[in-house]
């Protein structure tokens, strides 16, 4: 039976996108006043081009389009980070881009997307609503739809993060990865587990958007009636059949964290590591701080800090108001 995400395809994606993305640092922890595992290392995708891992999958799509499709343009629906990645990559390659955002996406992300020249539309309360409308728009105008997680090219691109980890931390035995639609954890887990089957893969979700937890427990795809979390990039109402299949194959466990725990973890990353990240980027740290994940049994754990697109202006306003 053909593998749903072959290692060779992920490796080919790494070569394809290498000129356009950063090999992000794998940072050891500084001397800390905390009980964290002394060997824990942070994969800093918040330092990635456009602020998150999303550019990996987006560039893997856009670099394979033919001339006619590039001229017609590309489109996506996003909670924010995928849209920002699409806008940046499309600008870099000279491709017209359209991004649909749900109403709850932050104004800061909208401004950043607009700065790269993409057309922006708001629709619906959650990513799933914007996604359906963006598909209609794509069909009407012949635009190429870049799915943030349910597409093999997206998954191959996100899997390149796992290959970087294997280069920088060949002894990794635990990977902590935030979960939205399952594209990041699906791609990275496929890369890691095909190279080293003994690596334990643990996902982290908001309690208010337990999309993967519910589907894994049911053994089938389940769409949540609603989601409620400050981590908007981790809050689709459903995975896809493709990402659920990868999770069933490769994800060993999923931990849940609260919004309050993610905010606390954001503060820790800023004060202890000088890393300004969004709630989704802090989710893996929240899981460690809260005890939802116990890393003490592992020799070489890695936590993926998936994105840093927090509204820095608000942070600075709060700071200067003190």
C-alpha atoms as a PDB file:
ATOM      1  CA  UNK A   1       0.000   0.000   0.000  1.00  0.00           C
ATOM      2  CA  UNK A   2       1.367   3.414  -0.976  1.00  0.00           C
ATOM      3  CA  UNK A   3       2.312   5.629   1.944  1.00  0.00           C
ATOM      4  CA  UNK A   4       0.076   8.731   2.237  1.00  0.00           C
ATOM      5  CA  UNK A   5       3.083  11.030   2.745  1.00  0.00           C
ATOM      6  CA  UNK A   6       6.346   9.393   1.620  1.00  0.00           C
ATOM      7  CA  UNK A   7       9.600  10.533   3.204  1.00  0.00           C
ATOM      8  CA  UNK A   8      11.095  11.035  -0.267  1.00  0.00           C
ATOM      9  CA  UNK A   9       8.369  13.548  -1.164  1.00  0.00           C
ATOM     10  CA  UNK A  10       9.051  15.552   2.001  1.00  0.00           C
ATOM     11  CA  UNK A  11      12.756  15.538   1.215  1.00  0.00           C
ATOM     12  CA  UNK A  12      12.042  16.765  -2.336  1.00  0.00           C
ATOM     13  CA  UNK A  13       9.935  19.584  -0.879  1.00  0.00           C
ATOM     14  CA  UNK A  14      12.844  20.587   1.365  1.00  0.00           C
ATOM     15  CA  UNK A  15      15.093  21.048  -1.669  1.00  0.00           C
ATOM     16  CA  UNK A  16      12.356  22.883  -3.572  1.00  0.00           C
ATOM     17  CA  UNK A  17      11.574  25.490  -0.928  1.00  0.00           C
ATOM     18  CA  UNK A  18      15.079  25.903   0.540  1.00  0.00           C
ATOM     19  CA  UNK A  19      15.831  29.197  -1.274  1.00  0.00           C
ATOM     20  CA  UNK A  20      12.636  30.767   0.099  1.00  0.00           C
ATOM     21  CA  UNK A  21      12.359  29.676   3.755  1.00  0.00           C
ATOM     22  CA  UNK A  22      14.603  29.760   6.783  1.00  0.00           C
ATOM     23  CA  UNK A  23      16.185  26.785   8.483  1.00  0.00           C
ATOM     24  CA  UNK A  24      14.979  28.049  11.857  1.00  0.00           C
ATOM     25  CA  UNK A  25      17.025  27.697  15.060  1.00  0.00           C
ATOM     26  CA  UNK A  26      16.647  24.841  17.493  1.00  0.00           C
ATOM     27  CA  UNK A  27      17.304  26.757  20.687  1.00  0.00           C
ATOM     28  CA  UNK A  28      18.502  25.161  23.916  1.00  0.00           C
ATOM     29  CA  UNK A  29      17.016  26.701  27.026  1.00  0.00           C
ATOM     30  CA  UNK A  30      19.037  29.356  28.857  1.00  0.00           C
ATOM     31  CA  UNK A  31      19.781  29.048  32.576  1.00  0.00           C
ATOM     32  CA  UNK A  32      16.254  29.286  33.941  1.00  0.00           C
ATOM     33  CA  UNK A  33      14.435  29.632  37.194  1.00  0.00           C
ATOM     34  CA  UNK A  34      12.067  26.817  36.331  1.00  0.00           C
ATOM     35  CA  UNK A  35      11.544  23.080  36.445  1.00  0.00           C
ATOM     36  CA  UNK A  36      11.726  22.538  32.693  1.00  0.00           C
ATOM     37  CA  UNK A  37      13.622  19.600  31.296  1.00  0.00           C
ATOM     38  CA  UNK A  38      17.274  20.757  31.032  1.00  0.00           C
ATOM     39  CA  UNK A  39      17.611  19.254  27.543  1.00  0.00           C
ATOM     40  CA  UNK A  40      14.410  20.729  26.131  1.00  0.00           C
ATOM     41  CA  UNK A  41      14.984  22.562  22.858  1.00  0.00           C
ATOM     42  CA  UNK A  42      12.660  24.999  21.108  1.00  0.00           C
ATOM     43  CA  UNK A  43      12.157  24.923  17.330  1.00  0.00           C
ATOM     44  CA  UNK A  44      11.632  28.633  16.675  1.00  0.00           C
ATOM     45  CA  UNK A  45       9.256  28.824  13.728  1.00  0.00           C
ATOM     46  CA  UNK A  46       8.197  32.238  15.033  1.00  0.00           C
ATOM     47  CA  UNK A  47      11.445  33.376  13.364  1.00  0.00           C
ATOM     48  CA  UNK A  48      10.325  31.937  10.037  1.00  0.00           C
ATOM     49  CA  UNK A  49       9.624  34.154   7.036  1.00  0.00           C
ATOM     50  CA  UNK A  50       6.138  35.709   7.571  1.00  0.00           C
ATOM     51  CA  UNK A  51       6.208  34.636  11.216  1.00  0.00           C
ATOM     52  CA  UNK A  52       5.130  30.987  11.160  1.00  0.00           C
ATOM     53  CA  UNK A  53       5.705  27.528   9.688  1.00  0.00           C
ATOM     54  CA  UNK A  54       2.948  28.132   7.128  1.00  0.00           C
ATOM     55  CA  UNK A  55       5.314  29.432   4.433  1.00  0.00           C
ATOM     56  CA  UNK A  56       6.719  25.920   4.047  1.00  0.00           C
ATOM     57  CA  UNK A  57       3.506  24.454   2.669  1.00  0.00           C
ATOM     58  CA  UNK A  58       2.593  27.582   0.721  1.00  0.00           C
ATOM     59  CA  UNK A  59       5.893  27.793  -1.160  1.00  0.00           C
ATOM     60  CA  UNK A  60       5.699  24.065  -1.903  1.00  0.00           C
ATOM     61  CA  UNK A  61       2.404  24.784  -3.690  1.00  0.00           C
ATOM     62  CA  UNK A  62       3.265  27.965  -5.518  1.00  0.00           C
ATOM     63  CA  UNK A  63       6.615  26.771  -6.841  1.00  0.00           C
ATOM     64  CA  UNK A  64       4.856  23.913  -8.663  1.00  0.00           C
ATOM     65  CA  UNK A  65       2.208  25.999 -10.447  1.00  0.00           C
ATOM     66  CA  UNK A  66       2.356  26.412 -14.211  1.00  0.00           C
ATOM     67  CA  UNK A  67       2.593  29.837 -15.852  1.00  0.00           C
ATOM     68  CA  UNK A  68      -1.106  30.066 -16.664  1.00  0.00           C
ATOM     69  CA  UNK A  69      -2.139  29.294 -13.089  1.00  0.00           C
ATOM     70  CA  UNK A  70       0.318  31.823 -11.693  1.00  0.00           C
ATOM     71  CA  UNK A  71      -1.160  34.478 -13.949  1.00  0.00           C
ATOM     72  CA  UNK A  72      -4.731  33.697 -12.832  1.00  0.00           C
ATOM     73  CA  UNK A  73      -3.720  33.842  -9.179  1.00  0.00           C
ATOM     74  CA  UNK A  74      -4.103  31.984  -5.889  1.00  0.00           C
ATOM     75  CA  UNK A  75      -6.559  32.093  -3.018  1.00  0.00           C
ATOM     76  CA  UNK A  76      -6.843  30.735   0.530  1.00  0.00           C
ATOM     77  CA  UNK A  77      -8.916  30.915   3.686  1.00  0.00           C
ATOM     78  CA  UNK A  78      -7.039  31.466   6.890  1.00  0.00           C
ATOM     79  CA  UNK A  79      -7.249  32.260  10.579  1.00  0.00           C
ATOM     80  CA  UNK A  80      -4.348  34.590   9.844  1.00  0.00           C
ATOM     81  CA  UNK A  81      -0.987  32.844   9.543  1.00  0.00           C
ATOM     82  CA  UNK A  82      -1.731  30.844   6.392  1.00  0.00           C
ATOM     83  CA  UNK A  83      -3.074  33.967   4.724  1.00  0.00           C
ATOM     84  CA  UNK A  84       0.004  35.920   5.712  1.00  0.00           C
ATOM     85  CA  UNK A  85       2.225  33.163   4.327  1.00  0.00           C
ATOM     86  CA  UNK A  86       0.250  33.085   1.069  1.00  0.00           C
ATOM     87  CA  UNK A  87       0.394  36.867   0.691  1.00  0.00           C
ATOM     88  CA  UNK A  88       4.147  36.934   1.280  1.00  0.00           C
ATOM     89  CA  UNK A  89       4.951  33.976  -0.987  1.00  0.00           C
ATOM     90  CA  UNK A  90       2.698  35.278  -3.757  1.00  0.00           C
ATOM     91  CA  UNK A  91       4.354  38.707  -3.548  1.00  0.00           C
ATOM     92  CA  UNK A  92       7.780  37.073  -3.653  1.00  0.00           C
ATOM     93  CA  UNK A  93       6.860  35.105  -6.794  1.00  0.00           C
ATOM     94  CA  UNK A  94       4.788  37.805  -8.482  1.00  0.00           C
ATOM     95  CA  UNK A  95       1.444  35.995  -8.229  1.00  0.00           C
ATOM     96  CA  UNK A  96      -1.914  37.755  -7.516  1.00  0.00           C
ATOM     97  CA  UNK A  97      -3.401  36.550  -4.207  1.00  0.00           C
ATOM     98  CA  UNK A  98      -6.752  36.618  -2.414  1.00  0.00           C
ATOM     99  CA  UNK A  99      -7.214  35.792   1.277  1.00  0.00           C
ATOM    100  CA  UNK A 100     -10.473  35.103   3.122  1.00  0.00           C
ATOM    101  CA  UNK A 101     -10.472  35.684   6.880  1.00  0.00           C
ATOM    102  CA  UNK A 102     -13.181  34.876   9.431  1.00  0.00           C
ATOM    103  CA  UNK A 103     -14.625  37.819  11.338  1.00  0.00           C
ATOM    104  CA  UNK A 104     -12.655  36.908  14.466  1.00  0.00           C
ATOM    105  CA  UNK A 105      -9.218  37.130  12.801  1.00  0.00           C
ATOM    106  CA  UNK A 106      -7.173  39.965  14.289  1.00  0.00           C
ATOM    107  CA  UNK A 107      -6.932  43.376  12.645  1.00  0.00           C
ATOM    108  CA  UNK A 108      -3.160  43.142  12.988  1.00  0.00           C
ATOM    109  CA  UNK A 109      -3.020  40.039  10.793  1.00  0.00           C
ATOM    110  CA  UNK A 110      -5.290  41.701   8.248  1.00  0.00           C
ATOM    111  CA  UNK A 111      -2.939  44.691   8.081  1.00  0.00           C
ATOM    112  CA  UNK A 112       0.076  42.447   7.596  1.00  0.00           C
ATOM    113  CA  UNK A 113      -1.617  40.480   4.826  1.00  0.00           C
ATOM    114  CA  UNK A 114      -2.673  43.674   3.066  1.00  0.00           C
ATOM    115  CA  UNK A 115       0.902  44.988   3.270  1.00  0.00           C
ATOM    116  CA  UNK A 116       1.999  42.162   0.939  1.00  0.00           C
ATOM    117  CA  UNK A 117      -0.594  43.187  -1.628  1.00  0.00           C
ATOM    118  CA  UNK A 118      -3.230  40.473  -1.247  1.00  0.00           C
ATOM    119  CA  UNK A 119      -6.954  41.204  -1.644  1.00  0.00           C
ATOM    120  CA  UNK A 120      -8.788  40.465   1.607  1.00  0.00           C
ATOM    121  CA  UNK A 121     -12.374  39.423   2.310  1.00  0.00           C
ATOM    122  CA  UNK A 122     -14.004  38.730   5.679  1.00  0.00           C
ATOM    123  CA  UNK A 123     -16.619  36.006   5.955  1.00  0.00           C
ATOM    124  CA  UNK A 124     -18.157  33.889   8.724  1.00  0.00           C
ATOM    125  CA  UNK A 125     -17.371  33.272  12.361  1.00  0.00           C
ATOM    126  CA  UNK A 126     -14.715  30.568  11.983  1.00  0.00           C
ATOM    127  CA  UNK A 127     -12.122  29.409   9.461  1.00  0.00           C
ATOM    128  CA  UNK A 128     -14.518  26.754   8.158  1.00  0.00           C
ATOM    129  CA  UNK A 129     -17.002  29.437   7.038  1.00  0.00           C
ATOM    130  CA  UNK A 130     -14.315  31.482   5.263  1.00  0.00           C
ATOM    131  CA  UNK A 131     -13.021  28.282   3.656  1.00  0.00           C
ATOM    132  CA  UNK A 132     -16.360  27.454   2.047  1.00  0.00           C
ATOM    133  CA  UNK A 133     -16.753  30.962   0.649  1.00  0.00           C
ATOM    134  CA  UNK A 134     -13.143  31.017  -0.633  1.00  0.00           C
ATOM    135  CA  UNK A 135     -13.750  27.760  -2.531  1.00  0.00           C
ATOM    136  CA  UNK A 136     -16.759  29.368  -4.237  1.00  0.00           C
ATOM    137  CA  UNK A 137     -14.633  32.386  -5.162  1.00  0.00           C
ATOM    138  CA  UNK A 138     -11.855  30.123  -6.490  1.00  0.00           C
ATOM    139  CA  UNK A 139     -14.295  28.242  -8.730  1.00  0.00           C
ATOM    140  CA  UNK A 140     -15.873  31.429 -10.036  1.00  0.00           C
ATOM    141  CA  UNK A 141     -12.573  33.071 -11.021  1.00  0.00           C
ATOM    142  CA  UNK A 142     -10.414  30.027 -11.793  1.00  0.00           C
ATOM    143  CA  UNK A 143      -8.025  30.717  -8.917  1.00  0.00           C
ATOM    144  CA  UNK A 144      -5.784  28.025  -7.428  1.00  0.00           C
ATOM    145  CA  UNK A 145      -6.889  27.217  -3.878  1.00  0.00           C
ATOM    146  CA  UNK A 146      -4.063  26.666  -1.389  1.00  0.00           C
ATOM    147  CA  UNK A 147      -5.488  24.629   1.471  1.00  0.00           C
ATOM    148  CA  UNK A 148      -3.815  25.226   4.854  1.00  0.00           C
ATOM    149  CA  UNK A 149      -3.812  21.540   5.832  1.00  0.00           C
ATOM    150  CA  UNK A 150      -5.883  19.228   3.598  1.00  0.00           C
ATOM    151  CA  UNK A 151      -3.511  18.959   0.649  1.00  0.00           C
ATOM    152  CA  UNK A 152      -0.517  16.735  -0.014  1.00  0.00           C
ATOM    153  CA  UNK A 153       1.645  19.685  -1.103  1.00  0.00           C
ATOM    154  CA  UNK A 154       0.875  21.505   2.133  1.00  0.00           C
ATOM    155  CA  UNK A 155       1.739  18.440   4.192  1.00  0.00           C
ATOM    156  CA  UNK A 156       4.989  17.838   2.309  1.00  0.00           C
ATOM    157  CA  UNK A 157       6.010  21.426   2.955  1.00  0.00           C
ATOM    158  CA  UNK A 158       5.181  21.325   6.662  1.00  0.00           C
ATOM    159  CA  UNK A 159       7.055  18.022   6.934  1.00  0.00           C
ATOM    160  CA  UNK A 160      10.283  19.798   6.037  1.00  0.00           C
ATOM    161  CA  UNK A 161      10.309  21.182   9.571  1.00  0.00           C
ATOM    162  CA  UNK A 162      10.698  17.622  10.822  1.00  0.00           C
ATOM    163  CA  UNK A 163      13.690  17.057   8.543  1.00  0.00           C
ATOM    164  CA  UNK A 164      15.377  20.151   9.968  1.00  0.00           C
ATOM    165  CA  UNK A 165      14.829  18.843  13.491  1.00  0.00           C
ATOM    166  CA  UNK A 166      16.411  15.521  12.555  1.00  0.00           C
ATOM    167  CA  UNK A 167      19.481  17.366  11.268  1.00  0.00           C
ATOM    168  CA  UNK A 168      19.840  19.564  14.357  1.00  0.00           C
ATOM    169  CA  UNK A 169      18.703  17.074  17.023  1.00  0.00           C
ATOM    170  CA  UNK A 170      19.285  13.552  15.665  1.00  0.00           C
ATOM    171  CA  UNK A 171      18.633  12.061  19.120  1.00  0.00           C
ATOM    172  CA  UNK A 172      15.144  13.589  19.501  1.00  0.00           C
ATOM    173  CA  UNK A 173      12.770  11.242  21.331  1.00  0.00           C
ATOM    174  CA  UNK A 174       9.754  13.519  21.996  1.00  0.00           C
ATOM    175  CA  UNK A 175       8.150  16.148  19.743  1.00  0.00           C
ATOM    176  CA  UNK A 176       5.491  18.545  21.071  1.00  0.00           C
ATOM    177  CA  UNK A 177       3.445  20.143  18.289  1.00  0.00           C
ATOM    178  CA  UNK A 178       0.410  22.435  18.370  1.00  0.00           C
ATOM    179  CA  UNK A 179      -2.693  21.260  16.501  1.00  0.00           C
ATOM    180  CA  UNK A 180      -5.105  23.273  14.377  1.00  0.00           C
ATOM    181  CA  UNK A 181      -6.251  21.480  11.248  1.00  0.00           C
ATOM    182  CA  UNK A 182      -3.538  18.878  11.664  1.00  0.00           C
ATOM    183  CA  UNK A 183      -1.292  19.926   8.786  1.00  0.00           C
ATOM    184  CA  UNK A 184       1.771  20.767  10.876  1.00  0.00           C
ATOM    185  CA  UNK A 185       1.624  17.750  13.152  1.00  0.00           C
ATOM    186  CA  UNK A 186       0.695  15.450  10.246  1.00  0.00           C
ATOM    187  CA  UNK A 187       3.612  16.512   8.068  1.00  0.00           C
ATOM    188  CA  UNK A 188       6.184  16.677  10.846  1.00  0.00           C
ATOM    189  CA  UNK A 189       5.083  13.404  12.432  1.00  0.00           C
ATOM    190  CA  UNK A 190       5.264  11.613   9.071  1.00  0.00           C
ATOM    191  CA  UNK A 191       8.820  12.871   8.550  1.00  0.00           C
ATOM    192  CA  UNK A 192       9.996  12.044  12.071  1.00  0.00           C
ATOM    193  CA  UNK A 193       8.340   8.653  12.441  1.00  0.00           C
ATOM    194  CA  UNK A 194       9.436   7.366   9.033  1.00  0.00           C
ATOM    195  CA  UNK A 195      13.019   8.247   9.938  1.00  0.00           C
ATOM    196  CA  UNK A 196      12.834   7.146  13.594  1.00  0.00           C
ATOM    197  CA  UNK A 197       9.699   5.207  14.553  1.00  0.00           C
ATOM    198  CA  UNK A 198      10.490   5.404  18.280  1.00  0.00           C
ATOM    199  CA  UNK A 199       9.997   9.162  18.510  1.00  0.00           C
ATOM    200  CA  UNK A 200       6.904  10.031  20.540  1.00  0.00           C
ATOM    201  CA  UNK A 201       4.614  12.621  18.958  1.00  0.00           C
ATOM    202  CA  UNK A 202       2.322  14.634  21.245  1.00  0.00           C
ATOM    203  CA  UNK A 203      -0.133  17.220  19.971  1.00  0.00           C
ATOM    204  CA  UNK A 204      -1.402  20.202  21.958  1.00  0.00           C
ATOM    205  CA  UNK A 205      -4.842  21.759  21.465  1.00  0.00           C
ATOM    206  CA  UNK A 206      -6.901  24.465  23.187  1.00  0.00           C
ATOM    207  CA  UNK A 207      -9.612  23.137  25.477  1.00  0.00           C
ATOM    208  CA  UNK A 208     -12.018  25.385  23.582  1.00  0.00           C
ATOM    209  CA  UNK A 209     -11.104  23.807  20.226  1.00  0.00           C
ATOM    210  CA  UNK A 210     -10.359  20.102  20.846  1.00  0.00           C
ATOM    211  CA  UNK A 211     -10.731  19.205  17.175  1.00  0.00           C
ATOM    212  CA  UNK A 212      -8.187  16.400  16.989  1.00  0.00           C
ATOM    213  CA  UNK A 213      -8.960  15.047  20.458  1.00  0.00           C
ATOM    214  CA  UNK A 214     -12.641  14.534  19.638  1.00  0.00           C
ATOM    215  CA  UNK A 215     -11.957  12.926  16.246  1.00  0.00           C
ATOM    216  CA  UNK A 216      -9.246  10.610  17.582  1.00  0.00           C
ATOM    217  CA  UNK A 217     -11.482   9.515  20.443  1.00  0.00           C
ATOM    218  CA  UNK A 218     -14.305   8.809  17.990  1.00  0.00           C
ATOM    219  CA  UNK A 219     -12.003   7.104  15.470  1.00  0.00           C
ATOM    220  CA  UNK A 220     -13.600   9.184  12.706  1.00  0.00           C
ATOM    221  CA  UNK A 221     -13.828  12.757  11.510  1.00  0.00           C
ATOM    222  CA  UNK A 222     -16.042  14.872  13.784  1.00  0.00           C
ATOM    223  CA  UNK A 223     -16.904  18.527  13.172  1.00  0.00           C
ATOM    224  CA  UNK A 224     -17.327  20.543  16.345  1.00  0.00           C
ATOM    225  CA  UNK A 225     -20.471  22.692  16.539  1.00  0.00           C
ATOM    226  CA  UNK A 226     -18.421  25.677  17.727  1.00  0.00           C
ATOM    227  CA  UNK A 227     -14.920  26.624  18.878  1.00  0.00           C
ATOM    228  CA  UNK A 228     -13.880  29.160  21.520  1.00  0.00           C
ATOM    229  CA  UNK A 229     -10.214  30.021  22.000  1.00  0.00           C
ATOM    230  CA  UNK A 230      -7.879  32.997  21.813  1.00  0.00           C
ATOM    231  CA  UNK A 231      -5.636  30.746  19.689  1.00  0.00           C
ATOM    232  CA  UNK A 232      -7.575  31.480  16.504  1.00  0.00           C
ATOM    233  CA  UNK A 233      -5.010  29.715  14.316  1.00  0.00           C
ATOM    234  CA  UNK A 234      -5.658  26.507  16.278  1.00  0.00           C
ATOM    235  CA  UNK A 235      -9.427  26.701  15.992  1.00  0.00           C
ATOM    236  CA  UNK A 236     -10.973  25.054  12.922  1.00  0.00           C
ATOM    237  CA  UNK A 237     -14.112  23.095  13.694  1.00  0.00           C
ATOM    238  CA  UNK A 238     -12.782  19.978  11.934  1.00  0.00           C
ATOM    239  CA  UNK A 239      -9.657  18.260  10.694  1.00  0.00           C
ATOM    240  CA  UNK A 240      -9.712  16.563   7.290  1.00  0.00           C
ATOM    241  CA  UNK A 241      -9.795  12.864   6.454  1.00  0.00           C
ATOM    242  CA  UNK A 242      -6.178  13.193   5.300  1.00  0.00           C
ATOM    243  CA  UNK A 243      -4.854  14.824   8.468  1.00  0.00           C
ATOM    244  CA  UNK A 244      -6.909  12.514  10.680  1.00  0.00           C
ATOM    245  CA  UNK A 245      -5.400   9.519   8.900  1.00  0.00           C
ATOM    246  CA  UNK A 246      -1.889  10.813   9.564  1.00  0.00           C
ATOM    247  CA  UNK A 247      -2.788  11.465  13.204  1.00  0.00           C
ATOM    248  CA  UNK A 248      -4.155   7.945  13.635  1.00  0.00           C
ATOM    249  CA  UNK A 249      -0.893   6.600  12.177  1.00  0.00           C
ATOM    250  CA  UNK A 250       1.621   8.782  13.963  1.00  0.00           C
ATOM    251  CA  UNK A 251       0.282  10.862  16.857  1.00  0.00           C
ATOM    252  CA  UNK A 252       0.741   9.137  20.210  1.00  0.00           C
ATOM    253  CA  UNK A 253      -1.219  11.522  22.420  1.00  0.00           C
ATOM    254  CA  UNK A 254      -2.936  14.913  22.485  1.00  0.00           C
ATOM    255  CA  UNK A 255      -2.878  17.281  25.471  1.00  0.00           C
ATOM    256  CA  UNK A 256      -5.329  20.106  26.137  1.00  0.00           C
ATOM    257  CA  UNK A 257      -4.494  23.568  27.494  1.00  0.00           C
ATOM    258  CA  UNK A 258      -6.589  26.563  28.517  1.00  0.00           C
ATOM    259  CA  UNK A 259      -6.417  30.070  27.108  1.00  0.00           C
ATOM    260  CA  UNK A 260      -5.085  31.268  30.455  1.00  0.00           C
ATOM    261  CA  UNK A 261      -2.283  28.709  30.346  1.00  0.00           C
ATOM    262  CA  UNK A 262      -1.298  29.829  26.833  1.00  0.00           C
ATOM    263  CA  UNK A 263      -1.173  33.465  27.964  1.00  0.00           C
ATOM    264  CA  UNK A 264       1.036  32.491  30.898  1.00  0.00           C
ATOM    265  CA  UNK A 265       3.302  30.556  28.529  1.00  0.00           C
ATOM    266  CA  UNK A 266       3.525  33.592  26.218  1.00  0.00           C
ATOM    267  CA  UNK A 267       4.793  35.600  29.166  1.00  0.00           C
ATOM    268  CA  UNK A 268       7.356  32.929  30.035  1.00  0.00           C
ATOM    269  CA  UNK A 269       8.688  32.794  26.477  1.00  0.00           C
ATOM    270  CA  UNK A 270       9.064  36.571  26.465  1.00  0.00           C
ATOM    271  CA  UNK A 271      10.665  37.033  29.890  1.00  0.00           C
ATOM    272  CA  UNK A 272      12.883  33.936  29.883  1.00  0.00           C
ATOM    273  CA  UNK A 273      13.671  33.414  26.176  1.00  0.00           C
ATOM    274  CA  UNK A 274      13.149  36.837  24.546  1.00  0.00           C
ATOM    275  CA  UNK A 275      10.622  35.274  22.154  1.00  0.00           C
ATOM    276  CA  UNK A 276       7.424  37.188  21.399  1.00  0.00           C
ATOM    277  CA  UNK A 277       4.882  34.631  20.198  1.00  0.00           C
ATOM    278  CA  UNK A 278       1.158  34.251  19.606  1.00  0.00           C
ATOM    279  CA  UNK A 279      -1.038  31.979  21.778  1.00  0.00           C
ATOM    280  CA  UNK A 280      -0.728  29.084  19.309  1.00  0.00           C
ATOM    281  CA  UNK A 281       3.048  29.376  19.444  1.00  0.00           C
ATOM    282  CA  UNK A 282       2.987  29.133  23.225  1.00  0.00           C
ATOM    283  CA  UNK A 283       0.619  26.147  23.419  1.00  0.00           C
ATOM    284  CA  UNK A 284       3.396  23.551  23.695  1.00  0.00           C
ATOM    285  CA  UNK A 285       5.007  25.470  26.561  1.00  0.00           C
ATOM    286  CA  UNK A 286       1.617  25.745  28.254  1.00  0.00           C
ATOM    287  CA  UNK A 287       1.317  21.951  28.089  1.00  0.00           C
ATOM    288  CA  UNK A 288       4.661  21.564  29.875  1.00  0.00           C
ATOM    289  CA  UNK A 289       4.031  24.263  32.469  1.00  0.00           C
ATOM    290  CA  UNK A 290       0.571  22.960  33.340  1.00  0.00           C
ATOM    291  CA  UNK A 291       1.698  19.340  33.628  1.00  0.00           C
ATOM    292  CA  UNK A 292      -0.547  18.260  30.743  1.00  0.00           C
ATOM    293  CA  UNK A 293       2.629  16.791  29.214  1.00  0.00           C
ATOM    294  CA  UNK A 294       5.388  15.179  31.278  1.00  0.00           C
ATOM    295  CA  UNK A 295       8.716  15.339  29.453  1.00  0.00           C
ATOM    296  CA  UNK A 296      10.853  14.022  32.310  1.00  0.00           C
ATOM    297  CA  UNK A 297      11.004  10.470  30.901  1.00  0.00           C
ATOM    298  CA  UNK A 298      12.653  11.660  27.673  1.00  0.00           C
ATOM    299  CA  UNK A 299      16.288  12.468  26.984  1.00  0.00           C
ATOM    300  CA  UNK A 300      15.937  14.893  24.061  1.00  0.00           C
ATOM    301  CA  UNK A 301      12.506  16.598  23.851  1.00  0.00           C
ATOM    302  CA  UNK A 302      11.749  19.261  21.238  1.00  0.00           C
ATOM    303  CA  UNK A 303       8.876  21.761  21.428  1.00  0.00           C
ATOM    304  CA  UNK A 304       7.807  23.437  18.183  1.00  0.00           C
ATOM    305  CA  UNK A 305       7.069  27.153  18.650  1.00  0.00           C
ATOM    306  CA  UNK A 306       4.843  27.312  15.589  1.00  0.00           C
ATOM    307  CA  UNK A 307       4.237  31.043  15.168  1.00  0.00           C
ATOM    308  CA  UNK A 308       4.931  34.528  16.441  1.00  0.00           C
ATOM    309  CA  UNK A 309       2.313  36.729  14.794  1.00  0.00           C
ATOM    310  CA  UNK A 310       1.052  38.434  17.914  1.00  0.00           C
ATOM    311  CA  UNK A 311      -0.028  42.069  17.697  1.00  0.00           C
ATOM    312  CA  UNK A 312       3.210  43.658  18.891  1.00  0.00           C
ATOM    313  CA  UNK A 313       1.603  47.100  18.840  1.00  0.00           C
ATOM    314  CA  UNK A 314      -0.794  46.089  21.617  1.00  0.00           C
ATOM    315  CA  UNK A 315       2.072  44.634  23.622  1.00  0.00           C
ATOM    316  CA  UNK A 316       4.097  47.819  23.292  1.00  0.00           C
ATOM    317  CA  UNK A 317       1.109  49.982  24.221  1.00  0.00           C
ATOM    318  CA  UNK A 318       0.640  47.968  27.412  1.00  0.00           C
ATOM    319  CA  UNK A 319       4.353  48.234  28.160  1.00  0.00           C
ATOM    320  CA  UNK A 320       4.565  51.996  27.654  1.00  0.00           C
ATOM    321  CA  UNK A 321       1.399  52.525  29.713  1.00  0.00           C
ATOM    322  CA  UNK A 322       3.047  51.121  32.816  1.00  0.00           C
END
